Amino acid sequence: MTIDIEGRSIATNENGFLENPEDWTPAVAEAMAAEEQLTLTDRHWDLINYLREEYFSNNGNQPNNRTLLKEMGSRWGEKVSNKELFDLFPGNPSKQAGRLAGLPESMRKGGY
């Protein structure tokens, strides 16, 4: 599978994850989100950027939903519910946001 954007074709696996994380750009994330009928807001970007920070600065760490709840609550200055994260990323916040963030597919199970 491929994503055609900015005059180039970017390879993805059968689940839509980028084969090469170096191919990621914000425009790629926007294109992937549009294919999933998502319009990325500041809160979407907060989550995407956090996942990228964790992965690239913390030895490939891919936080689960519980960790995302805590971190987004801290960043947004309010208690964040699991429902709010699923409203942002209905395909599972850690997995769908990770895909849009250009991270490799996580093989762990569950969201908690």
Protein backbone atom coordinates (compact mmCIF):
# COMPACT_ATOMS: atom_id res chain seq x y z
CA MET A 1 0.00 0.00 0.00
CA THR A 2 1.14 3.56 -0.55
CA ILE A 3 0.22 7.13 0.28
CA ASP A 4 0.75 9.61 -2.53
CA ILE A 5 1.56 13.06 -1.18
CA GLU A 6 3.80 15.97 -2.07
CA GLY A 7 4.82 14.29 -5.34
CA ARG A 8 6.06 11.09 -3.76
CA SER A 9 4.72 7.66 -2.89
CA ILE A 10 5.19 6.54 0.69
CA ALA A 11 5.05 2.82 1.47
CA THR A 12 2.81 1.50 4.24
CA ASN A 13 2.20 -1.99 5.54
CA GLU A 14 -1.13 -3.82 5.23
CA ASN A 15 -2.40 -2.03 8.39
CA GLY A 16 -1.50 1.45 7.14
CA PHE A 17 1.66 2.00 9.21
CA LEU A 18 4.60 3.65 7.48
CA GLU A 19 7.28 1.18 6.46
CA ASN A 20 9.94 3.86 7.02
CA PRO A 21 9.32 6.26 9.94
CA GLU A 22 11.70 8.73 8.24
CA ASP A 23 9.01 9.29 5.57
CA TRP A 24 6.74 10.98 8.14
CA THR A 25 5.84 14.66 7.86
CA PRO A 26 2.90 16.59 9.28
CA ALA A 27 1.43 16.58 5.75
CA VAL A 28 1.62 12.77 5.71
CA ALA A 29 -0.24 12.67 9.04
CA GLU A 30 -2.90 15.00 7.61
CA ALA A 31 -3.32 12.81 4.53
CA MET A 32 -3.58 9.64 6.62
CA ALA A 33 -6.11 11.32 8.92
CA ALA A 34 -8.20 12.48 5.96
CA GLU A 35 -8.38 8.88 4.72
CA GLU A 36 -9.82 7.99 8.14
CA GLN A 37 -12.27 10.92 8.11
CA LEU A 38 -10.40 12.72 10.91
CA THR A 39 -9.71 16.44 11.02
CA LEU A 40 -6.66 16.98 13.19
CA THR A 41 -7.11 19.58 15.94
CA ASP A 42 -4.57 20.92 18.44
CA ARG A 43 -5.48 18.08 20.80
CA HIS A 44 -4.86 15.49 18.10
CA TRP A 45 -1.47 17.08 17.45
CA ASP A 46 -0.65 17.12 21.18
CA LEU A 47 -1.14 13.37 21.28
CA ILE A 48 0.69 12.73 17.99
CA ASN A 49 3.64 14.89 19.02
CA TYR A 50 3.81 13.25 22.47
CA LEU A 51 3.92 9.80 20.88
CA ARG A 52 6.71 10.91 18.54
CA GLU A 53 8.65 12.44 21.43
CA GLU A 54 8.37 9.25 23.47
CA TYR A 55 9.32 6.98 20.60
CA PHE A 56 12.29 8.93 19.29
CA SER A 57 13.59 10.25 22.63
CA ASN A 58 12.84 7.29 24.90
CA ASN A 59 14.28 4.19 23.23
CA GLY A 60 11.25 3.32 21.09
CA ASN A 61 8.70 3.63 23.91
CA GLN A 62 5.09 3.47 22.71
CA PRO A 63 2.83 4.51 25.60
CA ASN A 64 -0.45 2.70 26.20
CA ASN A 65 -3.83 4.41 26.71
CA ARG A 66 -3.44 4.70 30.47
CA THR A 67 -0.16 6.57 30.05
CA LEU A 68 -1.77 8.78 27.37
CA LEU A 69 -4.58 9.68 29.77
CA LYS A 70 -2.12 10.78 32.44
CA GLU A 71 0.13 12.72 30.06
CA MET A 72 -2.68 14.50 28.21
CA GLY A 73 -4.30 15.36 31.54
CA SER A 74 -1.04 16.94 32.62
CA ARG A 75 -0.56 18.80 29.32
CA TRP A 76 -4.16 19.99 29.08
CA GLY A 77 -4.48 20.85 32.77
CA GLU A 78 -7.62 18.78 33.29
CA LYS A 79 -8.70 15.24 33.99
CA VAL A 80 -9.03 13.42 30.68
CA SER A 81 -11.35 10.45 30.25
CA ASN A 82 -10.80 7.40 28.11
CA LYS A 83 -13.91 8.43 26.17
CA GLU A 84 -12.29 11.78 25.28
CA LEU A 85 -9.25 10.03 23.82
CA PHE A 86 -11.47 7.62 21.88
CA ASP A 87 -13.50 10.61 20.61
CA LEU A 88 -10.24 11.98 19.19
CA PHE A 89 -8.98 8.64 17.87
CA PRO A 90 -11.88 6.18 17.57
CA GLY A 91 -9.59 3.47 16.19
CA ASN A 92 -7.83 3.18 19.60
CA PRO A 93 -5.82 6.21 20.72
CA SER A 94 -2.44 4.55 21.17
CA LYS A 95 -2.62 2.59 17.91
CA GLN A 96 -4.42 5.02 15.59
CA ALA A 97 -2.48 8.05 16.85
CA GLY A 98 0.73 6.01 16.61
CA ARG A 99 -0.04 5.23 12.99
CA LEU A 100 -0.67 8.92 12.25
CA ALA A 101 2.53 9.77 14.13
CA GLY A 102 4.49 7.58 11.73
CA LEU A 103 5.54 5.07 14.37
CA PRO A 104 6.01 1.35 13.73
CA GLU A 105 3.04 -0.87 14.46
CA SER A 106 2.86 -1.80 18.14
CA MET A 107 2.36 -5.48 18.81
CA ARG A 108 1.21 -5.16 22.42
CA LYS A 109 -2.34 -6.08 23.32
CA GLY A 110 -5.02 -4.01 24.99
CA GLY A 111 -5.25 -0.35 25.75
CA TYR A 112 -4.60 -0.49 29.49
